[in-house]
Amino acid sequence: MYNYKAICLDLDGTVYRGIEPIPEAVSFVGNMQQNGIDPYFITNNSSMTRVQLQEKLDSFGIKADPDRIMTSAIAVAKYCKENYNGANVMMIGEKGLEEAIASERIEITAKNPDVVVMGIDRGVTYAKLADACLAIRAGAHFIATNSDKAFPTERGLVPGNGSFVKLMENATGISPVFVGKPEPHMLEFIQVEGGFRKEEMVMIGDNYDTDIQAGIRFGIDTVHVAGGVTSPGEVSLKLQKPTYSYRTLLEWGM
């Protein structure tokens, strides 16, 4: 474990489930930090800001540097700045996405956008979806924070952004560019900003199709941890195996 300089740790399903922390993960992070290693916290959930995530982690006893929190919302904003500099954006999403877009000084508009960005929005309405649909049909670029069809909470798996994106794909006939995991954009931003070599990085998560695939596609080591979206039995059937697979993170940290 201590050979890595950038330990990239998924949040939903790996560190916590909704409002419930995963005790082994909390202990794992504490052990790392006692040894002078601060992990990167990575999430496809675009709804929360860095400060909100920092406060949530703090409530579980985990100290997190906001600069080491990477969300799909932050990655989308960086992606838009790099690829559509000067464009204005219509967004479906929550505070985390709104703040991330604004932090890159990208104009948010309700009419005639150059780009439509879609993240999880638990207050989504038919009117919002209709406006976004019409904008995409009129030629706006379509970008989505992530493709997760479901995500884990303390109540179980609930609809994720990918389920709403599928609705938009059916309505427009257009597939979006996805920026969150399993696409490697978040890991690439971390590598560039931190100056890491790929052999110094590892991606840890519970979801094979997002967390582990992101690491595999980026070309870094991966750790699958049980108890979340993908069971160890399902992982054992995959052609591309994670570098390591454990029941809990404490098994890796021993």
Protein backbone atom coordinates (compact mmCIF):
# COMPACT_ATOMS: atom_id res chain seq x y z
CA MET A 1 0.00 0.00 0.00
CA TYR A 2 2.72 2.49 0.95
CA ASN A 3 4.40 2.17 -2.46
CA TYR A 4 1.66 4.38 -3.91
CA LYS A 5 1.76 8.19 -3.78
CA ALA A 6 -1.77 8.74 -5.12
CA ILE A 7 -4.28 6.42 -3.45
CA CYS A 8 -7.58 7.21 -5.17
CA LEU A 9 -10.52 6.14 -3.06
CA ASP A 10 -14.12 5.93 -4.26
CA LEU A 11 -16.71 7.26 -1.81
CA ASP A 12 -20.25 5.92 -2.39
CA GLY A 13 -20.21 2.22 -1.52
CA THR A 14 -16.54 2.20 -0.52
CA VAL A 15 -16.18 4.76 2.28
CA TYR A 16 -19.88 5.18 3.08
CA ARG A 17 -23.37 4.16 2.06
CA GLY A 18 -25.56 7.23 2.12
CA ILE A 19 -25.33 8.61 5.66
CA GLU A 20 -23.73 5.48 7.09
CA PRO A 21 -19.92 5.20 7.20
CA ILE A 22 -18.21 1.88 6.47
CA PRO A 23 -16.14 1.34 9.66
CA GLU A 24 -13.31 -0.58 7.98
CA ALA A 25 -12.87 2.22 5.44
CA VAL A 26 -12.76 4.87 8.16
CA SER A 27 -10.07 2.89 9.98
CA PHE A 28 -8.18 2.35 6.72
CA VAL A 29 -8.05 6.08 5.97
CA GLY A 30 -7.03 6.84 9.55
CA ASN A 31 -4.17 4.33 9.33
CA MET A 32 -2.98 5.87 6.07
CA GLN A 33 -3.02 9.39 7.44
CA GLN A 34 -1.11 8.31 10.55
CA ASN A 35 1.58 7.13 8.14
CA GLY A 36 1.65 10.47 6.35
CA ILE A 37 -0.46 9.51 3.32
CA ASP A 38 -3.49 11.62 2.34
CA PRO A 39 -5.73 9.80 -0.13
CA TYR A 40 -7.65 11.34 -2.99
CA PHE A 41 -11.41 10.98 -2.61
CA ILE A 42 -13.16 10.39 -5.93
CA THR A 43 -16.88 10.24 -6.59
CA ASN A 44 -19.17 10.09 -9.59
CA ASN A 45 -21.83 11.79 -7.48
CA SER A 46 -21.99 15.36 -8.82
CA SER A 47 -24.55 16.68 -6.34
CA MET A 48 -22.21 17.80 -3.54
CA THR A 49 -19.53 20.49 -3.39
CA ARG A 50 -16.04 19.85 -2.09
CA VAL A 51 -16.90 21.61 1.18
CA GLN A 52 -20.06 19.54 1.63
CA LEU A 53 -18.11 16.34 1.04
CA GLN A 54 -15.38 17.49 3.41
CA GLU A 55 -18.02 18.09 6.10
CA LYS A 56 -19.66 14.73 5.45
CA LEU A 57 -16.34 12.90 5.74
CA ASP A 58 -15.51 14.88 8.87
CA SER A 59 -18.77 13.69 10.46
CA PHE A 60 -17.44 10.13 10.03
CA GLY A 61 -14.09 11.04 11.61
CA ILE A 62 -12.23 11.37 8.29
CA LYS A 63 -10.15 14.49 7.67
CA ALA A 64 -10.07 15.39 3.99
CA ASP A 65 -8.16 18.11 2.19
CA PRO A 66 -10.65 19.77 -0.23
CA ASP A 67 -7.92 19.87 -2.89
CA ARG A 68 -7.85 16.06 -2.74
CA ILE A 69 -11.55 15.69 -3.45
CA MET A 70 -12.42 15.05 -7.10
CA THR A 71 -16.05 14.78 -8.20
CA SER A 72 -17.54 14.16 -11.62
CA ALA A 73 -18.90 17.72 -11.43
CA ILE A 74 -15.39 19.16 -11.05
CA ALA A 75 -14.16 16.94 -13.87
CA VAL A 76 -17.01 18.03 -16.17
CA ALA A 77 -16.27 21.68 -15.53
CA LYS A 78 -12.57 21.15 -16.28
CA TYR A 79 -13.48 19.17 -19.40
CA CYS A 80 -15.80 21.92 -20.65
CA LYS A 81 -13.14 24.57 -20.02
CA GLU A 82 -10.54 22.58 -21.95
CA ASN A 83 -12.76 21.56 -24.87
CA TYR A 84 -15.42 24.29 -25.13
CA ASN A 85 -13.71 27.38 -23.77
CA GLY A 86 -16.05 30.37 -24.05
CA ALA A 87 -19.18 28.24 -24.45
CA ASN A 88 -22.24 28.69 -22.27
CA VAL A 89 -23.87 25.76 -20.51
CA MET A 90 -27.39 24.61 -19.66
CA MET A 91 -27.20 22.28 -16.68
CA ILE A 92 -29.37 19.69 -15.03
CA GLY A 93 -27.87 19.06 -11.62
CA GLU A 94 -27.48 20.20 -8.05
CA LYS A 95 -25.25 22.54 -6.07
CA GLY A 96 -22.05 20.56 -6.63
CA LEU A 97 -22.35 20.84 -10.40
CA GLU A 98 -23.43 24.46 -10.34
CA GLU A 99 -20.48 25.48 -8.15
CA ALA A 100 -17.98 23.49 -10.20
CA ILE A 101 -19.12 25.11 -13.47
CA ALA A 102 -19.08 28.58 -11.93
CA SER A 103 -15.59 28.00 -10.50
CA GLU A 104 -14.28 27.63 -14.07
CA ARG A 105 -16.01 30.92 -14.98
CA ILE A 106 -18.36 29.19 -17.39
CA GLU A 107 -21.66 30.98 -18.03
CA ILE A 108 -24.78 29.03 -17.07
CA THR A 109 -27.80 29.78 -19.25
CA ALA A 110 -31.42 28.65 -19.50
CA LYS A 111 -31.74 29.40 -23.23
CA ASN A 112 -29.84 28.58 -26.42
CA PRO A 113 -26.86 26.81 -24.78
CA ASP A 114 -23.73 25.65 -26.57
CA VAL A 115 -23.48 22.70 -24.19
CA VAL A 116 -25.98 20.72 -22.10
CA VAL A 117 -24.44 19.16 -18.98
CA MET A 118 -26.41 16.55 -17.10
CA GLY A 119 -25.72 15.41 -13.55
CA ILE A 120 -27.89 13.84 -10.86
CA ASP A 121 -30.78 16.14 -9.98
CA ARG A 122 -33.15 14.86 -7.31
CA GLY A 123 -35.45 17.81 -8.01
CA VAL A 124 -35.57 17.20 -11.76
CA THR A 125 -38.81 18.14 -13.52
CA TYR A 126 -40.34 17.35 -16.88
CA ALA A 127 -39.81 20.98 -17.87
CA LYS A 128 -36.04 20.75 -17.21
CA LEU A 129 -35.77 17.56 -19.23
CA ALA A 130 -37.83 19.02 -22.07
CA ASP A 131 -35.68 22.18 -22.27
CA ALA A 132 -32.50 20.11 -22.32
CA CYS A 133 -33.96 17.75 -24.93
CA LEU A 134 -34.87 20.64 -27.24
CA ALA A 135 -31.44 22.25 -26.79
CA ILE A 136 -29.66 19.01 -27.72
CA ARG A 137 -31.94 18.56 -30.73
CA ALA A 138 -31.05 22.13 -31.76
CA GLY A 139 -27.36 21.21 -31.82
CA ALA A 140 -26.00 21.74 -28.29
CA HIS A 141 -23.20 19.38 -27.26
CA PHE A 142 -24.39 16.78 -24.72
CA ILE A 143 -22.12 15.96 -21.76
CA ALA A 144 -22.99 13.83 -18.73
CA THR A 145 -21.17 13.67 -15.43
CA ASN A 146 -21.44 9.88 -15.22
CA SER A 147 -23.30 6.81 -16.42
CA ASP A 148 -24.08 5.10 -13.08
CA LYS A 149 -27.54 3.59 -13.44
CA ALA A 150 -27.80 3.20 -9.64
CA PHE A 151 -25.82 4.19 -6.58
CA PRO A 152 -25.71 2.77 -3.06
CA THR A 153 -27.40 4.47 -0.10
CA GLU A 154 -28.23 3.38 3.43
CA ARG A 155 -31.64 2.33 2.01
CA GLY A 156 -30.18 0.31 -0.86
CA LEU A 157 -29.52 1.03 -4.53
CA VAL A 158 -31.44 4.01 -5.93
CA PRO A 159 -31.59 5.53 -9.46
CA GLY A 160 -28.37 7.17 -10.59
CA ASN A 161 -27.61 9.76 -13.24
CA GLY A 162 -27.17 7.12 -15.91
CA SER A 163 -30.83 6.18 -15.66
CA PHE A 164 -31.88 9.77 -16.40
CA VAL A 165 -29.29 10.07 -19.16
CA LYS A 166 -30.81 7.00 -20.83
CA LEU A 167 -34.15 8.82 -20.90
CA MET A 168 -32.48 11.78 -22.63
CA GLU A 169 -30.76 9.48 -25.12
CA ASN A 170 -34.13 7.94 -26.00
CA ALA A 171 -35.72 11.38 -26.36
CA THR A 172 -32.96 12.95 -28.49
CA GLY A 173 -31.29 10.06 -30.30
CA ILE A 174 -27.97 11.52 -29.09
CA SER A 175 -25.51 9.81 -26.73
CA PRO A 176 -23.53 12.09 -24.44
CA VAL A 177 -19.83 12.32 -23.73
CA PHE A 178 -19.38 10.82 -20.25
CA VAL A 179 -16.68 12.35 -18.05
CA GLY A 180 -16.98 10.40 -14.78
CA LYS A 181 -15.80 6.86 -14.12
CA PRO A 182 -15.26 4.51 -15.97
CA GLU A 183 -13.83 7.21 -18.21
CA PRO A 184 -10.35 8.07 -16.89
CA HIS A 185 -10.69 11.88 -16.92
CA MET A 186 -10.73 12.30 -13.12
CA LEU A 187 -7.63 10.15 -12.71
CA GLU A 188 -5.92 12.05 -15.52
CA PHE A 189 -6.65 15.41 -13.85
CA ILE A 190 -5.21 14.07 -10.58
CA GLN A 191 -2.11 12.75 -12.33
CA VAL A 192 -1.42 16.02 -14.16
CA GLU A 193 -2.08 18.27 -11.16
CA GLY A 194 -0.04 16.07 -8.80
CA GLY A 195 2.75 15.21 -11.22
CA PHE A 196 2.42 11.46 -10.53
CA ARG A 197 3.64 8.55 -12.61
CA LYS A 198 1.01 5.93 -13.33
CA GLU A 199 2.89 3.30 -11.33
CA GLU A 200 2.52 5.60 -8.30
CA MET A 201 -1.31 5.58 -8.53
CA VAL A 202 -4.00 3.10 -7.49
CA MET A 203 -7.80 3.24 -7.83
CA ILE A 204 -9.92 1.65 -5.08
CA GLY A 205 -13.64 0.99 -5.29
CA ASP A 206 -16.64 -1.29 -4.92
CA ASN A 207 -18.07 -0.92 -8.42
CA TYR A 208 -16.24 -2.94 -11.07
CA ASP A 209 -17.92 -1.21 -14.02
CA THR A 210 -16.98 2.29 -12.85
CA ASP A 211 -14.16 2.32 -10.28
CA ILE A 212 -12.14 -0.67 -11.45
CA GLN A 213 -12.70 -0.04 -15.14
CA ALA A 214 -11.57 3.59 -14.72
CA GLY A 215 -8.27 2.38 -13.27
CA ILE A 216 -7.83 -0.32 -15.92
CA ARG A 217 -8.56 2.11 -18.76
CA PHE A 218 -6.13 4.64 -17.32
CA GLY A 219 -3.46 1.99 -16.89
CA ILE A 220 -3.00 2.00 -13.11
CA ASP A 221 -3.35 -0.62 -10.38
CA THR A 222 -6.80 -1.28 -8.94
CA VAL A 223 -8.30 -2.62 -5.71
CA HIS A 224 -11.83 -4.04 -5.57
CA VAL A 225 -13.47 -4.02 -2.15
CA ALA A 226 -16.60 -6.07 -1.44
CA GLY A 227 -19.83 -4.84 0.09
CA GLY A 228 -20.96 -2.37 -2.53
CA VAL A 229 -22.30 -2.62 -6.08
CA THR A 230 -20.23 -5.53 -7.47
CA SER A 231 -19.84 -8.77 -5.52
CA PRO A 232 -16.55 -10.71 -5.40
CA GLY A 233 -18.29 -13.51 -7.30
CA GLU A 234 -19.15 -11.17 -10.14
CA VAL A 235 -15.61 -9.79 -10.19
CA SER A 236 -14.18 -13.31 -10.44
CA LEU A 237 -16.04 -13.78 -13.74
CA LYS A 238 -14.58 -10.67 -15.39
CA LEU A 239 -11.94 -11.08 -18.09
CA GLN A 240 -10.00 -8.06 -16.79
CA LYS A 241 -9.37 -8.63 -13.11
CA PRO A 242 -8.49 -5.92 -10.58
CA THR A 243 -4.91 -5.96 -9.32
CA TYR A 244 -6.17 -6.82 -5.83
CA SER A 245 -9.54 -7.86 -4.40
CA TYR A 246 -10.42 -7.80 -0.69
CA ARG A 247 -13.44 -8.28 1.54
CA THR A 248 -12.63 -5.04 3.40
CA LEU A 249 -9.98 -2.36 3.03
CA LEU A 250 -8.44 -3.37 6.32
CA GLU A 251 -7.37 -6.65 4.71
CA TRP A 252 -5.29 -4.66 2.23
CA GLY A 253 -3.93 -2.42 4.93
CA MET A 254 -2.63 -5.28 7.08
